[in-house]
Amino acid sequence: MGYIEWGVKNNILVGIGGGKFDPDGLVTREQMAAIMDRYATAIGFKLSEVHGQNVFADNSKIGAWAAPSVKRIQMAGIILGKNNNFYDPQGTATRAEVSAVLRRFLELTVFSDTAQG
């Protein structure tokens, strides 16, 4: 509970709407992008634009609330698309995807001298 409270206090976690949080729910790919983007803001890290913006084939399915975060995280090279240029915004993030996102984020923020974008 302490971690959730910290995330809410720092505007990293905002719940799922309607005053609900759903701590046992799955995390979607668009939620993961928003969480990582908000975390970067919370620690004062400006995401670099390593890549041009990719307009995904399913871009219209990305929620308006998440679209700016998906764009920033994608352009920073932290989150990539899936096959056939799909983002799959409502798809759940796999453990492998989360691991890759965390590694790329750490490369940019902590190990920026070795970051490949």
PDB file of N, CA and C in Angstrom:
ATOM      1  N   MET A   1       0.815  -1.188   0.000  1.00  0.00           N
ATOM      2  CA  MET A   1       0.000   0.000   0.000  1.00  0.00           C
ATOM      3  C   MET A   1       0.868   1.266   0.000  1.00  0.00           C
ATOM      4  N   GLY A   2       1.979   1.235   0.694  1.00  0.00           N
ATOM      5  CA  GLY A   2       2.863   2.391   0.746  1.00  0.00           C
ATOM      6  C   GLY A   2       3.377   2.792  -0.625  1.00  0.00           C
ATOM      7  N   TYR A   3       3.668   1.808  -1.472  1.00  0.00           N
ATOM      8  CA  TYR A   3       4.164   2.108  -2.813  1.00  0.00           C
ATOM      9  C   TYR A   3       3.077   2.757  -3.659  1.00  0.00           C
ATOM     10  N   ILE A   4       1.853   2.270  -3.508  1.00  0.00           N
ATOM     11  CA  ILE A   4       0.731   2.857  -4.240  1.00  0.00           C
ATOM     12  C   ILE A   4       0.517   4.298  -3.793  1.00  0.00           C
ATOM     13  N   GLU A   5       0.544   4.516  -2.491  1.00  0.00           N
ATOM     14  CA  GLU A   5       0.367   5.873  -1.973  1.00  0.00           C
ATOM     15  C   GLU A   5       1.459   6.802  -2.498  1.00  0.00           C
ATOM     16  N   TRP A   6       2.695   6.329  -2.534  1.00  0.00           N
ATOM     17  CA  TRP A   6       3.797   7.122  -3.065  1.00  0.00           C
ATOM     18  C   TRP A   6       3.546   7.459  -4.530  1.00  0.00           C
ATOM     19  N   GLY A   7       3.120   6.459  -5.318  1.00  0.00           N
ATOM     20  CA  GLY A   7       2.846   6.681  -6.734  1.00  0.00           C
ATOM     21  C   GLY A   7       1.723   7.676  -6.960  1.00  0.00           C
ATOM     22  N   VAL A   8       0.685   7.596  -6.147  1.00  0.00           N
ATOM     23  CA  VAL A   8      -0.437   8.534  -6.260  1.00  0.00           C
ATOM     24  C   VAL A   8       0.015   9.934  -5.858  1.00  0.00           C
ATOM     25  N   LYS A   9       0.739  10.029  -4.753  1.00  0.00           N
ATOM     26  CA  LYS A   9       1.212  11.321  -4.258  1.00  0.00           C
ATOM     27  C   LYS A   9       2.093  12.024  -5.286  1.00  0.00           C
ATOM     28  N   ASN A  10       2.856  11.260  -6.049  1.00  0.00           N
ATOM     29  CA  ASN A  10       3.766  11.825  -7.045  1.00  0.00           C
ATOM     30  C   ASN A  10       3.168  11.856  -8.453  1.00  0.00           C
ATOM     31  N   ASN A  11       1.852  11.651  -8.548  1.00  0.00           N
ATOM     32  CA  ASN A  11       1.112  11.698  -9.814  1.00  0.00           C
ATOM     33  C   ASN A  11       1.644  10.717 -10.855  1.00  0.00           C
ATOM     34  N   ILE A  12       2.149   9.590 -10.394  1.00  0.00           N
ATOM     35  CA  ILE A  12       2.613   8.543 -11.294  1.00  0.00           C
ATOM     36  C   ILE A  12       1.476   7.563 -11.544  1.00  0.00           C
ATOM     37  N   LEU A  13       0.744   7.253 -10.496  1.00  0.00           N
ATOM     38  CA  LEU A  13      -0.408   6.358 -10.571  1.00  0.00           C
ATOM     39  C   LEU A  13      -1.672   7.169 -10.328  1.00  0.00           C
ATOM     40  N   VAL A  14      -2.625   7.028 -11.233  1.00  0.00           N
ATOM     41  CA  VAL A  14      -3.849   7.813 -11.100  1.00  0.00           C
ATOM     42  C   VAL A  14      -5.099   6.949 -11.044  1.00  0.00           C
ATOM     43  N   GLY A  15      -4.955   5.643 -11.002  1.00  0.00           N
ATOM     44  CA  GLY A  15      -6.111   4.766 -10.926  1.00  0.00           C
ATOM     45  C   GLY A  15      -6.715   4.493 -12.284  1.00  0.00           C
ATOM     46  N   ILE A  16      -7.875   3.824 -12.255  1.00  0.00           N
ATOM     47  CA  ILE A  16      -8.519   3.399 -13.501  1.00  0.00           C
ATOM     48  C   ILE A  16      -9.793   4.178 -13.780  1.00  0.00           C
ATOM     49  N   GLY A  17     -10.038   5.212 -12.991  1.00  0.00           N
ATOM     50  CA  GLY A  17     -11.236   6.022 -13.166  1.00  0.00           C
ATOM     51  C   GLY A  17     -12.287   5.683 -12.136  1.00  0.00           C
ATOM     52  N   GLY A  18     -13.212   6.577 -11.941  1.00  0.00           N
ATOM     53  CA  GLY A  18     -14.290   6.347 -10.995  1.00  0.00           C
ATOM     54  C   GLY A  18     -13.820   6.198  -9.560  1.00  0.00           C
ATOM     55  N   GLY A  19     -12.664   6.756  -9.231  1.00  0.00           N
ATOM     56  CA  GLY A  19     -12.145   6.649  -7.876  1.00  0.00           C
ATOM     57  C   GLY A  19     -11.614   5.268  -7.528  1.00  0.00           C
ATOM     58  N   LYS A  20     -11.366   4.433  -8.529  1.00  0.00           N
ATOM     59  CA  LYS A  20     -10.895   3.060  -8.301  1.00  0.00           C
ATOM     60  C   LYS A  20      -9.442   2.923  -8.735  1.00  0.00           C
ATOM     61  N   PHE A  21      -8.744   1.983  -8.095  1.00  0.00           N
ATOM     62  CA  PHE A  21      -7.339   1.760  -8.416  1.00  0.00           C
ATOM     63  C   PHE A  21      -7.095   0.388  -9.030  1.00  0.00           C
ATOM     64  N   ASP A  22      -7.726  -0.659  -8.562  1.00  0.00           N
ATOM     65  CA  ASP A  22      -7.577  -2.030  -9.055  1.00  0.00           C
ATOM     66  C   ASP A  22      -6.139  -2.542  -8.936  1.00  0.00           C
ATOM     67  N   PRO A  23      -5.640  -2.674  -7.702  1.00  0.00           N
ATOM     68  CA  PRO A  23      -4.246  -3.087  -7.509  1.00  0.00           C
ATOM     69  C   PRO A  23      -3.929  -4.489  -8.022  1.00  0.00           C
ATOM     70  N   ASP A  24      -4.932  -5.332  -8.204  1.00  0.00           N
ATOM     71  CA  ASP A  24      -4.681  -6.684  -8.699  1.00  0.00           C
ATOM     72  C   ASP A  24      -4.936  -6.817 -10.200  1.00  0.00           C
ATOM     73  N   GLY A  25      -5.295  -5.708 -10.850  1.00  0.00           N
ATOM     74  CA  GLY A  25      -5.583  -5.740 -12.279  1.00  0.00           C
ATOM     75  C   GLY A  25      -4.311  -5.829 -13.115  1.00  0.00           C
ATOM     76  N   LEU A  26      -4.502  -6.180 -14.359  1.00  0.00           N
ATOM     77  CA  LEU A  26      -3.393  -6.246 -15.307  1.00  0.00           C
ATOM     78  C   LEU A  26      -3.098  -4.847 -15.831  1.00  0.00           C
ATOM     79  N   VAL A  27      -1.892  -4.628 -16.297  1.00  0.00           N
ATOM     80  CA  VAL A  27      -1.478  -3.329 -16.821  1.00  0.00           C
ATOM     81  C   VAL A  27      -1.465  -3.414 -18.349  1.00  0.00           C
ATOM     82  N   THR A  28      -2.151  -2.452 -18.982  1.00  0.00           N
ATOM     83  CA  THR A  28      -2.150  -2.414 -20.442  1.00  0.00           C
ATOM     84  C   THR A  28      -0.894  -1.693 -20.929  1.00  0.00           C
ATOM     85  N   ARG A  29      -0.632  -1.842 -22.206  1.00  0.00           N
ATOM     86  CA  ARG A  29       0.550  -1.206 -22.786  1.00  0.00           C
ATOM     87  C   ARG A  29       0.434   0.310 -22.748  1.00  0.00           C
ATOM     88  N   GLU A  30      -0.780   0.857 -22.925  1.00  0.00           N
ATOM     89  CA  GLU A  30      -0.914   2.310 -22.843  1.00  0.00           C
ATOM     90  C   GLU A  30      -0.783   2.789 -21.403  1.00  0.00           C
ATOM     91  N   GLN A  31      -1.238   2.003 -20.446  1.00  0.00           N
ATOM     92  CA  GLN A  31      -1.043   2.354 -19.036  1.00  0.00           C
ATOM     93  C   GLN A  31       0.434   2.329 -18.684  1.00  0.00           C
ATOM     94  N   MET A  32       1.157   1.333 -19.196  1.00  0.00           N
ATOM     95  CA  MET A  32       2.590   1.229 -18.915  1.00  0.00           C
ATOM     96  C   MET A  32       3.318   2.458 -19.456  1.00  0.00           C
ATOM     97  N   ALA A  33       2.954   2.895 -20.654  1.00  0.00           N
ATOM     98  CA  ALA A  33       3.585   4.090 -21.226  1.00  0.00           C
ATOM     99  C   ALA A  33       3.306   5.310 -20.358  1.00  0.00           C
ATOM    100  N   ALA A  34       2.061   5.448 -19.906  1.00  0.00           N
ATOM    101  CA  ALA A  34       1.702   6.600 -19.075  1.00  0.00           C
ATOM    102  C   ALA A  34       2.443   6.564 -17.741  1.00  0.00           C
ATOM    103  N   ILE A  35       2.548   5.397 -17.135  1.00  0.00           N
ATOM    104  CA  ILE A  35       3.250   5.262 -15.857  1.00  0.00           C
ATOM    105  C   ILE A  35       4.725   5.639 -16.019  1.00  0.00           C
ATOM    106  N   MET A  36       5.360   5.151 -17.066  1.00  0.00           N
ATOM    107  CA  MET A  36       6.777   5.446 -17.272  1.00  0.00           C
ATOM    108  C   MET A  36       6.985   6.927 -17.584  1.00  0.00           C
ATOM    109  N   ASP A  37       6.100   7.507 -18.361  1.00  0.00           N
ATOM    110  CA  ASP A  37       6.196   8.929 -18.689  1.00  0.00           C
ATOM    111  C   ASP A  37       6.015   9.780 -17.434  1.00  0.00           C
ATOM    112  N   ARG A  38       5.035   9.439 -16.630  1.00  0.00           N
ATOM    113  CA  ARG A  38       4.797  10.190 -15.391  1.00  0.00           C
ATOM    114  C   ARG A  38       5.954  10.013 -14.412  1.00  0.00           C
ATOM    115  N   TYR A  39       6.549   8.826 -14.390  1.00  0.00           N
ATOM    116  CA  TYR A  39       7.692   8.600 -13.508  1.00  0.00           C
ATOM    117  C   TYR A  39       8.869   9.481 -13.946  1.00  0.00           C
ATOM    118  N   ALA A  40       9.112   9.546 -15.250  1.00  0.00           N
ATOM    119  CA  ALA A  40      10.192  10.405 -15.747  1.00  0.00           C
ATOM    120  C   ALA A  40       9.962  11.848 -15.305  1.00  0.00           C
ATOM    121  N   THR A  41       8.728  12.307 -15.410  1.00  0.00           N
ATOM    122  CA  THR A  41       8.397  13.665 -14.978  1.00  0.00           C
ATOM    123  C   THR A  41       8.626  13.819 -13.473  1.00  0.00           C
ATOM    124  N   ALA A  42       8.202  12.817 -12.702  1.00  0.00           N
ATOM    125  CA  ALA A  42       8.330  12.885 -11.240  1.00  0.00           C
ATOM    126  C   ALA A  42       9.779  12.986 -10.784  1.00  0.00           C
ATOM    127  N   ILE A  43      10.690  12.349 -11.511  1.00  0.00           N
ATOM    128  CA  ILE A  43      12.095  12.408 -11.107  1.00  0.00           C
ATOM    129  C   ILE A  43      12.835  13.545 -11.812  1.00  0.00           C
ATOM    130  N   GLY A  44      12.096  14.318 -12.609  1.00  0.00           N
ATOM    131  CA  GLY A  44      12.706  15.465 -13.274  1.00  0.00           C
ATOM    132  C   GLY A  44      13.539  15.111 -14.485  1.00  0.00           C
ATOM    133  N   PHE A  45      13.251  13.974 -15.109  1.00  0.00           N
ATOM    134  CA  PHE A  45      14.022  13.539 -16.274  1.00  0.00           C
ATOM    135  C   PHE A  45      13.268  13.886 -17.549  1.00  0.00           C
ATOM    136  N   LYS A  46      13.911  14.636 -18.429  1.00  0.00           N
ATOM    137  CA  LYS A  46      13.299  14.967 -19.711  1.00  0.00           C
ATOM    138  C   LYS A  46      13.662  13.883 -20.715  1.00  0.00           C
ATOM    139  N   LEU A  47      12.646  13.243 -21.253  1.00  0.00           N
ATOM    140  CA  LEU A  47      12.869  12.189 -22.233  1.00  0.00           C
ATOM    141  C   LEU A  47      13.380  12.798 -23.541  1.00  0.00           C
ATOM    142  N   SER A  48      14.453  12.232 -24.053  1.00  0.00           N
ATOM    143  CA  SER A  48      15.008  12.722 -25.309  1.00  0.00           C
ATOM    144  C   SER A  48      14.216  12.139 -26.480  1.00  0.00           C
ATOM    145  N   GLU A  49      14.223  12.838 -27.584  1.00  0.00           N
ATOM    146  CA  GLU A  49      13.555  12.353 -28.789  1.00  0.00           C
ATOM    147  C   GLU A  49      14.597  11.701 -29.685  1.00  0.00           C
ATOM    148  N   VAL A  50      14.807  10.413 -29.454  1.00  0.00           N
ATOM    149  CA  VAL A  50      15.810   9.653 -30.188  1.00  0.00           C
ATOM    150  C   VAL A  50      15.273   9.222 -31.549  1.00  0.00           C
ATOM    151  N   HIS A  51      13.970   8.962 -31.625  1.00  0.00           N
ATOM    152  CA  HIS A  51      13.325   8.492 -32.850  1.00  0.00           C
ATOM    153  C   HIS A  51      12.245   9.478 -33.279  1.00  0.00           C
ATOM    154  N   GLY A  52      11.919   9.460 -34.565  1.00  0.00           N
ATOM    155  CA  GLY A  52      10.777  10.224 -35.045  1.00  0.00           C
ATOM    156  C   GLY A  52       9.494   9.572 -34.546  1.00  0.00           C
ATOM    157  N   GLN A  53       8.416  10.336 -34.548  1.00  0.00           N
ATOM    158  CA  GLN A  53       7.146   9.781 -34.087  1.00  0.00           C
ATOM    159  C   GLN A  53       6.668   8.701 -35.048  1.00  0.00           C
ATOM    160  N   ASN A  54       6.277   7.574 -34.489  1.00  0.00           N
ATOM    161  CA  ASN A  54       5.713   6.478 -35.264  1.00  0.00           C
ATOM    162  C   ASN A  54       4.202   6.528 -35.123  1.00  0.00           C
ATOM    163  N   VAL A  55       3.502   6.665 -36.219  1.00  0.00           N
ATOM    164  CA  VAL A  55       2.042   6.603 -36.186  1.00  0.00           C
ATOM    165  C   VAL A  55       1.680   5.132 -36.384  1.00  0.00           C
ATOM    166  N   PHE A  56       1.289   4.501 -35.291  1.00  0.00           N
ATOM    167  CA  PHE A  56       0.980   3.077 -35.315  1.00  0.00           C
ATOM    168  C   PHE A  56      -0.289   2.802 -36.119  1.00  0.00           C
ATOM    169  N   ALA A  57      -0.396   1.604 -36.671  1.00  0.00           N
ATOM    170  CA  ALA A  57      -1.573   1.217 -37.451  1.00  0.00           C
ATOM    171  C   ALA A  57      -2.844   1.287 -36.613  1.00  0.00           C
ATOM    172  N   ASP A  58      -2.728   1.067 -35.312  1.00  0.00           N
ATOM    173  CA  ASP A  58      -3.895   1.125 -34.416  1.00  0.00           C
ATOM    174  C   ASP A  58      -3.853   2.375 -33.530  1.00  0.00           C
ATOM    175  N   ASN A  59      -3.235   3.432 -34.048  1.00  0.00           N
ATOM    176  CA  ASN A  59      -3.073   4.673 -33.294  1.00  0.00           C
ATOM    177  C   ASN A  59      -4.404   5.217 -32.774  1.00  0.00           C
ATOM    178  N   SER A  60      -5.469   5.046 -33.542  1.00  0.00           N
ATOM    179  CA  SER A  60      -6.786   5.567 -33.136  1.00  0.00           C
ATOM    180  C   SER A  60      -7.343   4.837 -31.916  1.00  0.00           C
ATOM    181  N   LYS A  61      -6.785   3.694 -31.588  1.00  0.00           N
ATOM    182  CA  LYS A  61      -7.249   2.933 -30.423  1.00  0.00           C
ATOM    183  C   LYS A  61      -6.534   3.339 -29.134  1.00  0.00           C
ATOM    184  N   ILE A  62      -5.504   4.157 -29.247  1.00  0.00           N
ATOM    185  CA  ILE A  62      -4.798   4.644 -28.060  1.00  0.00           C
ATOM    186  C   ILE A  62      -5.662   5.714 -27.422  1.00  0.00           C
ATOM    187  N   GLY A  63      -5.941   5.560 -26.127  1.00  0.00           N
ATOM    188  CA  GLY A  63      -6.777   6.520 -25.424  1.00  0.00           C
ATOM    189  C   GLY A  63      -6.186   7.916 -25.468  1.00  0.00           C
ATOM    190  N   ALA A  64      -7.071   8.921 -25.578  1.00  0.00           N
ATOM    191  CA  ALA A  64      -6.614  10.312 -25.623  1.00  0.00           C
ATOM    192  C   ALA A  64      -5.790  10.657 -24.396  1.00  0.00           C
ATOM    193  N   TRP A  65      -6.120  10.073 -23.259  1.00  0.00           N
ATOM    194  CA  TRP A  65      -5.401  10.336 -22.013  1.00  0.00           C
ATOM    195  C   TRP A  65      -3.977   9.765 -22.063  1.00  0.00           C
ATOM    196  N   ALA A  66      -3.741   8.719 -22.876  1.00  0.00           N
ATOM    197  CA  ALA A  66      -2.441   8.044 -22.928  1.00  0.00           C
ATOM    198  C   ALA A  66      -1.610   8.440 -24.143  1.00  0.00           C
ATOM    199  N   ALA A  67      -2.243   9.008 -25.167  1.00  0.00           N
ATOM    200  CA  ALA A  67      -1.555   9.278 -26.433  1.00  0.00           C
ATOM    201  C   ALA A  67      -0.287  10.131 -26.272  1.00  0.00           C
ATOM    202  N   PRO A  68      -0.313  11.222 -25.501  1.00  0.00           N
ATOM    203  CA  PRO A  68       0.930  11.990 -25.348  1.00  0.00           C
ATOM    204  C   PRO A  68       2.066  11.180 -24.708  1.00  0.00           C
ATOM    205  N   SER A  69       1.718  10.339 -23.740  1.00  0.00           N
ATOM    206  CA  SER A  69       2.733   9.502 -23.084  1.00  0.00           C
ATOM    207  C   SER A  69       3.275   8.454 -24.039  1.00  0.00           C
ATOM    208  N   VAL A  70       2.394   7.800 -24.790  1.00  0.00           N
ATOM    209  CA  VAL A  70       2.838   6.795 -25.762  1.00  0.00           C
ATOM    210  C   VAL A  70       3.788   7.444 -26.756  1.00  0.00           C
ATOM    211  N   LYS A  71       3.445   8.633 -27.223  1.00  0.00           N
ATOM    212  CA  LYS A  71       4.296   9.349 -28.180  1.00  0.00           C
ATOM    213  C   LYS A  71       5.669   9.636 -27.576  1.00  0.00           C
ATOM    214  N   ARG A  72       5.706  10.206 -26.378  1.00  0.00           N
ATOM    215  CA  ARG A  72       6.995  10.558 -25.755  1.00  0.00           C
ATOM    216  C   ARG A  72       7.845   9.315 -25.478  1.00  0.00           C
ATOM    217  N   ILE A  73       7.227   8.276 -24.951  1.00  0.00           N
ATOM    218  CA  ILE A  73       7.958   7.050 -24.608  1.00  0.00           C
ATOM    219  C   ILE A  73       8.457   6.350 -25.878  1.00  0.00           C
ATOM    220  N   GLN A  74       7.644   6.366 -26.923  1.00  0.00           N
ATOM    221  CA  GLN A  74       8.060   5.755 -28.196  1.00  0.00           C
ATOM    222  C   GLN A  74       9.206   6.541 -28.808  1.00  0.00           C
ATOM    223  N   MET A  75       9.093   7.858 -28.828  1.00  0.00           N
ATOM    224  CA  MET A  75      10.141   8.684 -29.431  1.00  0.00           C
ATOM    225  C   MET A  75      11.448   8.607 -28.650  1.00  0.00           C
ATOM    226  N   ALA A  76      11.365   8.309 -27.366  1.00  0.00           N
ATOM    227  CA  ALA A  76      12.568   8.136 -26.548  1.00  0.00           C
ATOM    228  C   ALA A  76      13.195   6.764 -26.759  1.00  0.00           C
ATOM    229  N   GLY A  77      12.500   5.878 -27.471  1.00  0.00           N
ATOM    230  CA  GLY A  77      13.030   4.539 -27.730  1.00  0.00           C
ATOM    231  C   GLY A  77      12.810   3.574 -26.594  1.00  0.00           C
ATOM    232  N   ILE A  78      11.891   3.893 -25.691  1.00  0.00           N
ATOM    233  CA  ILE A  78      11.645   3.041 -24.526  1.00  0.00           C
ATOM    234  C   ILE A  78      10.612   1.957 -24.822  1.00  0.00           C
ATOM    235  N   ILE A  79       9.564   2.318 -25.543  1.00  0.00           N
ATOM    236  CA  ILE A  79       8.527   1.351 -25.910  1.00  0.00           C
ATOM    237  C   ILE A  79       8.470   1.281 -27.420  1.00  0.00           C
ATOM    238  N   LEU A  80       8.424   0.068 -27.921  1.00  0.00           N
ATOM    239  CA  LEU A  80       8.373  -0.171 -29.353  1.00  0.00           C
ATOM    240  C   LEU A  80       7.015  -0.735 -29.734  1.00  0.00           C
ATOM    241  N   GLY A  81       6.736  -0.739 -31.013  1.00  0.00           N
ATOM    242  CA  GLY A  81       5.505  -1.345 -31.494  1.00  0.00           C
ATOM    243  C   GLY A  81       5.647  -2.849 -31.626  1.00  0.00           C
ATOM    244  N   LYS A  82       4.559  -3.445 -32.065  1.00  0.00           N
ATOM    245  CA  LYS A  82       4.538  -4.889 -32.305  1.00  0.00           C
ATOM    246  C   LYS A  82       4.577  -5.137 -33.808  1.00  0.00           C
ATOM    247  N   ASN A  83       4.372  -6.378 -34.205  1.00  0.00           N
ATOM    248  CA  ASN A  83       4.387  -6.733 -35.621  1.00  0.00           C
ATOM    249  C   ASN A  83       3.390  -5.897 -36.411  1.00  0.00           C
ATOM    250  N   ASN A  84       3.703  -5.654 -37.667  1.00  0.00           N
ATOM    251  CA  ASN A  84       2.846  -4.923 -38.604  1.00  0.00           C
ATOM    252  C   ASN A  84       2.528  -3.511 -38.129  1.00  0.00           C
ATOM    253  N   ASN A  85       3.436  -2.901 -37.382  1.00  0.00           N
ATOM    254  CA  ASN A  85       3.303  -1.527 -36.899  1.00  0.00           C
ATOM    255  C   ASN A  85       2.092  -1.313 -35.989  1.00  0.00           C
ATOM    256  N   PHE A  86       1.734  -2.311 -35.210  1.00  0.00           N
ATOM    257  CA  PHE A  86       0.667  -2.162 -34.224  1.00  0.00           C
ATOM    258  C   PHE A  86       1.272  -1.831 -32.869  1.00  0.00           C
ATOM    259  N   TYR A  87       0.534  -1.052 -32.082  1.00  0.00           N
ATOM    260  CA  TYR A  87       0.963  -0.748 -30.717  1.00  0.00           C
ATOM    261  C   TYR A  87       0.255  -1.649 -29.712  1.00  0.00           C
ATOM    262  N   ASP A  88      -0.994  -2.015 -29.979  1.00  0.00           N
ATOM    263  CA  ASP A  88      -1.794  -2.855 -29.086  1.00  0.00           C
ATOM    264  C   ASP A  88      -1.990  -2.173 -27.732  1.00  0.00           C
ATOM    265  N   PRO A  89      -2.603  -0.978 -27.731  1.00  0.00           N
ATOM    266  CA  PRO A  89      -2.695  -0.188 -26.510  1.00  0.00           C
ATOM    267  C   PRO A  89      -3.451  -0.848 -25.361  1.00  0.00           C
ATOM    268  N   GLN A  90      -4.501  -1.605 -25.659  1.00  0.00           N
ATOM    269  CA  GLN A  90      -5.257  -2.250 -24.589  1.00  0.00           C
ATOM    270  C   GLN A  90      -4.765  -3.668 -24.283  1.00  0.00           C
ATOM    271  N   GLY A  91      -3.758  -4.119 -25.019  1.00  0.00           N
ATOM    272  CA  GLY A  91      -3.165  -5.414 -24.726  1.00  0.00           C
ATOM    273  C   GLY A  91      -2.390  -5.343 -23.425  1.00  0.00           C
ATOM    274  N   THR A  92      -2.361  -6.444 -22.706  1.00  0.00           N
ATOM    275  CA  THR A  92      -1.617  -6.437 -21.448  1.00  0.00           C
ATOM    276  C   THR A  92      -0.119  -6.528 -21.731  1.00  0.00           C
ATOM    277  N   ALA A  93       0.634  -5.860 -20.902  1.00  0.00           N
ATOM    278  CA  ALA A  93       2.089  -5.881 -21.033  1.00  0.00           C
ATOM    279  C   ALA A  93       2.610  -7.210 -20.499  1.00  0.00           C
ATOM    280  N   THR A  94       3.420  -7.889 -21.294  1.00  0.00           N
ATOM    281  CA  THR A  94       4.012  -9.140 -20.840  1.00  0.00           C
ATOM    282  C   THR A  94       5.199  -8.833 -19.925  1.00  0.00           C
ATOM    283  N   ARG A  95       5.641  -9.819 -19.206  1.00  0.00           N
ATOM    284  CA  ARG A  95       6.819  -9.647 -18.349  1.00  0.00           C
ATOM    285  C   ARG A  95       8.044  -9.271 -19.191  1.00  0.00           C
ATOM    286  N   ALA A  96       8.144  -9.853 -20.369  1.00  0.00           N
ATOM    287  CA  ALA A  96       9.266  -9.534 -21.255  1.00  0.00           C
ATOM    288  C   ALA A  96       9.202  -8.079 -21.697  1.00  0.00           C
ATOM    289  N   GLU A  97       8.002  -7.589 -22.033  1.00  0.00           N
ATOM    290  CA  GLU A  97       7.858  -6.191 -22.445  1.00  0.00           C
ATOM    291  C   GLU A  97       8.210  -5.245 -21.298  1.00  0.00           C
ATOM    292  N   VAL A  98       7.727  -5.556 -20.109  1.00  0.00           N
ATOM    293  CA  VAL A  98       8.031  -4.712 -18.944  1.00  0.00           C
ATOM    294  C   VAL A  98       9.531  -4.701 -18.682  1.00  0.00           C
ATOM    295  N   SER A  99      10.164  -5.859 -18.782  1.00  0.00           N
ATOM    296  CA  SER A  99      11.609  -5.939 -18.567  1.00  0.00           C
ATOM    297  C   SER A  99      12.360  -5.098 -19.590  1.00  0.00           C
ATOM    298  N   ALA A 100      11.944  -5.172 -20.845  1.00  0.00           N
ATOM    299  CA  ALA A 100      12.600  -4.394 -21.896  1.00  0.00           C
ATOM    300  C   ALA A 100      12.403  -2.898 -21.672  1.00  0.00           C
ATOM    301  N   VAL A 101      11.196  -2.508 -21.290  1.00  0.00           N
ATOM    302  CA  VAL A 101      10.907  -1.092 -21.039  1.00  0.00           C
ATOM    303  C   VAL A 101      11.747  -0.580 -19.878  1.00  0.00           C
ATOM    304  N   LEU A 102      11.811  -1.343 -18.803  1.00  0.00           N
ATOM    305  CA  LEU A 102      12.608  -0.927 -17.652  1.00  0.00           C
ATOM    306  C   LEU A 102      14.089  -0.812 -18.017  1.00  0.00           C
ATOM    307  N   ARG A 103      14.586  -1.757 -18.786  1.00  0.00           N
ATOM    308  CA  ARG A 103      15.997  -1.701 -19.175  1.00  0.00           C
ATOM    309  C   ARG A 103      16.284  -0.464 -20.024  1.00  0.00           C
ATOM    310  N   ARG A 104      15.434  -0.215 -21.014  1.00  0.00           N
ATOM    311  CA  ARG A 104      15.650   0.955 -21.871  1.00  0.00           C
ATOM    312  C   ARG A 104      15.535   2.248 -21.076  1.00  0.00           C
ATOM    313  N   PHE A 105      14.584   2.289 -20.144  1.00  0.00           N
ATOM    314  CA  PHE A 105      14.425   3.478 -19.315  1.00  0.00           C
ATOM    315  C   PHE A 105      15.671   3.701 -18.464  1.00  0.00           C
ATOM    316  N   LEU A 106      16.170   2.648 -17.848  1.00  0.00           N
ATOM    317  CA  LEU A 106      17.383   2.766 -17.042  1.00  0.00           C
ATOM    318  C   LEU A 106      18.586   3.162 -17.881  1.00  0.00           C
ATOM    319  N   GLU A 107      18.678   2.644 -19.097  1.00  0.00           N
ATOM    320  CA  GLU A 107      19.788   3.024 -19.971  1.00  0.00           C
ATOM    321  C   GLU A 107      19.769   4.525 -20.246  1.00  0.00           C
ATOM    322  N   LEU A 108      18.583   5.087 -20.391  1.00  0.00           N
ATOM    323  CA  LEU A 108      18.477   6.519 -20.666  1.00  0.00           C
ATOM    324  C   LEU A 108      18.704   7.369 -19.431  1.00  0.00           C
ATOM    325  N   THR A 109      18.177   6.917 -18.293  1.00  0.00           N
ATOM    326  CA  THR A 109      18.224   7.761 -17.099  1.00  0.00           C
ATOM    327  C   THR A 109      19.461   7.550 -16.243  1.00  0.00           C
ATOM    328  N   VAL A 110      19.883   6.316 -16.092  1.00  0.00           N
ATOM    329  CA  VAL A 110      20.996   6.012 -15.189  1.00  0.00           C
ATOM    330  C   VAL A 110      22.299   5.815 -15.953  1.00  0.00           C
ATOM    331  N   PHE A 111      22.205   5.102 -17.043  1.00  0.00           N
ATOM    332  CA  PHE A 111      23.410   4.761 -17.822  1.00  0.00           C
ATOM    333  C   PHE A 111      23.384   5.478 -19.157  1.00  0.00           C
ATOM    334  N   SER A 112      23.128   6.767 -19.166  1.00  0.00           N
ATOM    335  CA  SER A 112      22.945   7.506 -20.419  1.00  0.00           C
ATOM    336  C   SER A 112      24.168   7.455 -21.324  1.00  0.00           C
ATOM    337  N   ASP A 113      25.331   7.204 -20.762  1.00  0.00           N
ATOM    338  CA  ASP A 113      26.520   7.126 -21.603  1.00  0.00           C
ATOM    339  C   ASP A 113      26.559   5.860 -22.444  1.00  0.00           C
ATOM    340  N   THR A 114      25.720   4.850 -22.087  1.00  0.00           N
ATOM    341  CA  THR A 114      25.688   3.608 -22.870  1.00  0.00           C
ATOM    342  C   THR A 114      24.348   3.452 -23.594  1.00  0.00           C
ATOM    343  N   ALA A 115      23.466   4.431 -23.477  1.00  0.00           N
ATOM    344  CA  ALA A 115      22.138   4.323 -24.095  1.00  0.00           C
ATOM    345  C   ALA A 115      22.238   4.268 -25.606  1.00  0.00           C
ATOM    346  N   GLN A 116      21.422   3.435 -26.191  1.00  0.00           N
ATOM    347  CA  GLN A 116      21.382   3.301 -27.630  1.00  0.00           C
ATOM    348  C   GLN A 116      20.088   3.854 -28.206  1.00  0.00           C
ATOM    349  N   GLY A 117      19.116   4.219 -27.358  1.00  0.00           N
ATOM    350  CA  GLY A 117      17.854   4.796 -27.802  1.00  0.00           C
ATOM    351  C   GLY A 117      16.904   3.829 -28.371  1.00  0.00           C
TER     352      GLY A 117
END
